[in-house]
Amino acid sequence: MKRLKPSELRSLRELTTHELEEKLAATKEELFNLRFQLVTGHLEDHATVSKLRRRIAQLYTILAERKLAG
């Protein structure tokens, strides 16, 4: 998983709230699976976990901004 470019972050902001919530749920599920692989020793790229945590934080931030604005 790579870091988001500013244009990709803008495209996330263009999604509807429902789409963001779906993306958040899918990302959290992916993080759960990666943590399971980490514990069992099958995870090859350990940096992916922190990148997913960052992505989740970005999604939460966008959702919080919308809640405050609306």
C-alpha atoms as a PDB file:
ATOM      1  CA  MET A   1       0.000   0.000   0.000  1.00  0.00           C
ATOM      2  CA  LYS A   2       1.438   3.320  -1.018  1.00  0.00           C
ATOM      3  CA  ARG A   3       1.027   6.749   0.511  1.00  0.00           C
ATOM      4  CA  LEU A   4      -1.781   8.880  -0.904  1.00  0.00           C
ATOM      5  CA  LYS A   5      -0.919  11.695  -3.254  1.00  0.00           C
ATOM      6  CA  PRO A   6      -2.748  14.995  -2.717  1.00  0.00           C
ATOM      7  CA  SER A   7      -4.872  14.328  -5.801  1.00  0.00           C
ATOM      8  CA  GLU A   8      -5.892  10.920  -4.410  1.00  0.00           C
ATOM      9  CA  LEU A   9      -6.785  12.531  -1.086  1.00  0.00           C
ATOM     10  CA  ARG A  10      -8.945  15.045  -2.971  1.00  0.00           C
ATOM     11  CA  SER A  11     -10.685  12.186  -4.738  1.00  0.00           C
ATOM     12  CA  LEU A  12     -11.457  10.658  -1.328  1.00  0.00           C
ATOM     13  CA  ARG A  13     -13.037  13.941  -0.283  1.00  0.00           C
ATOM     14  CA  GLU A  14     -15.280  13.802  -3.364  1.00  0.00           C
ATOM     15  CA  LEU A  15     -16.819  10.494  -2.289  1.00  0.00           C
ATOM     16  CA  THR A  16     -20.182  10.476  -0.557  1.00  0.00           C
ATOM     17  CA  THR A  17     -20.345   9.872   3.167  1.00  0.00           C
ATOM     18  CA  HIS A  18     -21.799   6.414   2.590  1.00  0.00           C
ATOM     19  CA  GLU A  19     -18.946   5.509   0.218  1.00  0.00           C
ATOM     20  CA  LEU A  20     -16.404   6.765   2.750  1.00  0.00           C
ATOM     21  CA  GLU A  21     -17.976   4.634   5.466  1.00  0.00           C
ATOM     22  CA  GLU A  22     -17.837   1.583   3.185  1.00  0.00           C
ATOM     23  CA  LYS A  23     -14.188   2.297   2.357  1.00  0.00           C
ATOM     24  CA  LEU A  24     -13.461   2.705   6.072  1.00  0.00           C
ATOM     25  CA  ALA A  25     -15.078  -0.641   6.891  1.00  0.00           C
ATOM     26  CA  ALA A  26     -13.143  -2.395   4.133  1.00  0.00           C
ATOM     27  CA  THR A  27      -9.866  -0.826   5.263  1.00  0.00           C
ATOM     28  CA  LYS A  28     -10.481  -1.811   8.876  1.00  0.00           C
ATOM     29  CA  GLU A  29     -11.184  -5.377   7.771  1.00  0.00           C
ATOM     30  CA  GLU A  30      -7.975  -5.411   5.747  1.00  0.00           C
ATOM     31  CA  LEU A  31      -6.062  -4.132   8.787  1.00  0.00           C
ATOM     32  CA  PHE A  32      -7.576  -6.900  10.920  1.00  0.00           C
ATOM     33  CA  ASN A  33      -6.421  -9.506   8.404  1.00  0.00           C
ATOM     34  CA  LEU A  34      -2.923  -8.009   8.279  1.00  0.00           C
ATOM     35  CA  ARG A  35      -2.671  -8.021  12.065  1.00  0.00           C
ATOM     36  CA  PHE A  36      -3.653 -11.676  12.041  1.00  0.00           C
ATOM     37  CA  GLN A  37      -0.897 -12.377   9.492  1.00  0.00           C
ATOM     38  CA  LEU A  38       1.531 -10.388  11.635  1.00  0.00           C
ATOM     39  CA  VAL A  39       0.800 -12.508  14.710  1.00  0.00           C
ATOM     40  CA  THR A  40       1.091 -15.772  12.791  1.00  0.00           C
ATOM     41  CA  GLY A  41       4.336 -14.673  11.156  1.00  0.00           C
ATOM     42  CA  HIS A  42       3.064 -14.659   7.585  1.00  0.00           C
ATOM     43  CA  LEU A  43       3.244 -10.909   6.966  1.00  0.00           C
ATOM     44  CA  GLU A  44       6.085  -9.926   4.649  1.00  0.00           C
ATOM     45  CA  ASP A  45       5.717  -6.125   4.558  1.00  0.00           C
ATOM     46  CA  HIS A  46       5.331  -4.792   8.092  1.00  0.00           C
ATOM     47  CA  ALA A  47       5.040  -1.190   6.882  1.00  0.00           C
ATOM     48  CA  THR A  48       1.643  -1.998   5.384  1.00  0.00           C
ATOM     49  CA  VAL A  49       0.089  -2.069   8.857  1.00  0.00           C
ATOM     50  CA  SER A  50       1.119   1.506   9.638  1.00  0.00           C
ATOM     51  CA  LYS A  51       0.064   2.688   6.181  1.00  0.00           C
ATOM     52  CA  LEU A  52      -3.396   1.200   6.685  1.00  0.00           C
ATOM     53  CA  ARG A  53      -3.652   2.831  10.103  1.00  0.00           C
ATOM     54  CA  ARG A  54      -2.810   6.154   8.472  1.00  0.00           C
ATOM     55  CA  ARG A  55      -5.452   5.592   5.767  1.00  0.00           C
ATOM     56  CA  ILE A  56      -8.048   4.833   8.451  1.00  0.00           C
ATOM     57  CA  ALA A  57      -7.108   8.050  10.269  1.00  0.00           C
ATOM     58  CA  GLN A  58      -7.501  10.016   7.020  1.00  0.00           C
ATOM     59  CA  LEU A  59     -10.941   8.554   6.447  1.00  0.00           C
ATOM     60  CA  TYR A  60     -11.992   9.319  10.019  1.00  0.00           C
ATOM     61  CA  THR A  61     -10.717  12.888   9.595  1.00  0.00           C
ATOM     62  CA  ILE A  62     -12.743  13.450   6.432  1.00  0.00           C
ATOM     63  CA  LEU A  63     -15.861  12.031   8.087  1.00  0.00           C
ATOM     64  CA  ALA A  64     -15.345  14.227  11.176  1.00  0.00           C
ATOM     65  CA  GLU A  65     -14.914  17.332   9.004  1.00  0.00           C
ATOM     66  CA  ARG A  66     -18.203  16.573   7.295  1.00  0.00           C
ATOM     67  CA  LYS A  67     -19.970  16.034  10.590  1.00  0.00           C
ATOM     68  CA  LEU A  68     -18.725  19.383  11.912  1.00  0.00           C
ATOM     69  CA  ALA A  69     -19.573  21.205   8.690  1.00  0.00           C
ATOM     70  CA  GLY A  70     -23.001  19.773   8.245  1.00  0.00           C
END
